[in-house]
């Protein structure tokens, strides 16, 4: 009976470890995706200064 409990405990521990790793990977992937989308939508403000200087002159 003790062997059966040990085997079940090992299976549960392995399943928990796999679930934890999957959760961490998903969070890192989501964070990387959010960072990538922010960089793609970045607009430099230097063109506004040049435009306003041209319109005043």
C-alpha atoms as a PDB file:
ATOM      1  CA  UNK A   1       0.000   0.000   0.000  1.00  0.00           C
ATOM      2  CA  UNK A   2       2.871   2.397   0.757  1.00  0.00           C
ATOM      3  CA  UNK A   3       4.339   1.853  -2.728  1.00  0.00           C
ATOM      4  CA  UNK A   4       1.054   2.859  -4.341  1.00  0.00           C
ATOM      5  CA  UNK A   5       0.902   6.055  -2.284  1.00  0.00           C
ATOM      6  CA  UNK A   6       4.511   6.889  -3.167  1.00  0.00           C
ATOM      7  CA  UNK A   7       3.838   6.371  -6.873  1.00  0.00           C
ATOM      8  CA  UNK A   8       0.734   8.559  -6.719  1.00  0.00           C
ATOM      9  CA  UNK A   9       2.675  11.240  -4.835  1.00  0.00           C
ATOM     10  CA  UNK A  10       5.424  11.197  -7.472  1.00  0.00           C
ATOM     11  CA  UNK A  11       2.881  11.492 -10.292  1.00  0.00           C
ATOM     12  CA  UNK A  12       1.165  14.410  -8.552  1.00  0.00           C
ATOM     13  CA  UNK A  13       4.504  16.147  -7.939  1.00  0.00           C
ATOM     14  CA  UNK A  14       5.551  15.766 -11.584  1.00  0.00           C
ATOM     15  CA  UNK A  15       2.171  17.044 -12.787  1.00  0.00           C
ATOM     16  CA  UNK A  16       2.413  20.057 -10.463  1.00  0.00           C
ATOM     17  CA  UNK A  17       5.920  20.842 -11.707  1.00  0.00           C
ATOM     18  CA  UNK A  18       4.794  20.667 -15.334  1.00  0.00           C
ATOM     19  CA  UNK A  19       1.795  22.900 -14.613  1.00  0.00           C
ATOM     20  CA  UNK A  20       4.056  25.437 -12.875  1.00  0.00           C
ATOM     21  CA  UNK A  21       6.484  25.509 -15.774  1.00  0.00           C
ATOM     22  CA  UNK A  22       3.631  25.972 -18.260  1.00  0.00           C
ATOM     23  CA  UNK A  23       2.250  28.867 -16.213  1.00  0.00           C
ATOM     24  CA  UNK A  24       5.632  30.609 -16.066  1.00  0.00           C
ATOM     25  CA  UNK A  25       6.196  30.167 -19.801  1.00  0.00           C
ATOM     26  CA  UNK A  26       2.749  31.588 -20.603  1.00  0.00           C
ATOM     27  CA  UNK A  27       3.363  34.635 -18.396  1.00  0.00           C
ATOM     28  CA  UNK A  28       6.761  35.282 -19.970  1.00  0.00           C
ATOM     29  CA  UNK A  29       5.327  34.902 -23.470  1.00  0.00           C
ATOM     30  CA  UNK A  30       2.508  37.329 -22.680  1.00  0.00           C
ATOM     31  CA  UNK A  31       4.969  39.840 -21.221  1.00  0.00           C
ATOM     32  CA  UNK A  32       7.205  39.567 -24.276  1.00  0.00           C
ATOM     33  CA  UNK A  33       4.188  40.007 -26.570  1.00  0.00           C
ATOM     34  CA  UNK A  34       3.112  43.150 -24.695  1.00  0.00           C
ATOM     35  CA  UNK A  35       6.622  44.608 -24.895  1.00  0.00           C
ATOM     36  CA  UNK A  36       6.825  43.904 -28.616  1.00  0.00           C
ATOM     37  CA  UNK A  37       3.506  45.602 -29.359  1.00  0.00           C
ATOM     38  CA  UNK A  38       4.515  48.713 -27.390  1.00  0.00           C
ATOM     39  CA  UNK A  39       7.739  49.043 -29.371  1.00  0.00           C
ATOM     40  CA  UNK A  40       5.892  48.693 -32.671  1.00  0.00           C
ATOM     41  CA  UNK A  41       3.469  51.495 -31.761  1.00  0.00           C
ATOM     42  CA  UNK A  42       6.193  53.918 -30.643  1.00  0.00           C
ATOM     43  CA  UNK A  43       6.153  57.256 -32.456  1.00  0.00           C
ATOM     44  CA  UNK A  44       8.990  59.715 -32.156  1.00  0.00           C
ATOM     45  CA  UNK A  45       8.048  63.248 -31.080  1.00  0.00           C
ATOM     46  CA  UNK A  46      10.912  64.986 -32.853  1.00  0.00           C
ATOM     47  CA  UNK A  47       8.865  65.446 -36.029  1.00  0.00           C
ATOM     48  CA  UNK A  48       6.354  67.616 -34.154  1.00  0.00           C
ATOM     49  CA  UNK A  49       9.059  70.125 -33.247  1.00  0.00           C
ATOM     50  CA  UNK A  50      10.226  70.379 -36.856  1.00  0.00           C
ATOM     51  CA  UNK A  51       6.657  70.728 -38.101  1.00  0.00           C
ATOM     52  CA  UNK A  52       5.765  73.505 -35.657  1.00  0.00           C
ATOM     53  CA  UNK A  53       8.968  75.395 -36.523  1.00  0.00           C
ATOM     54  CA  UNK A  54       8.122  75.214 -40.227  1.00  0.00           C
ATOM     55  CA  UNK A  55       4.567  76.433 -39.758  1.00  0.00           C
ATOM     56  CA  UNK A  56       5.655  79.427 -37.642  1.00  0.00           C
ATOM     57  CA  UNK A  57       8.357  80.534 -40.084  1.00  0.00           C
END
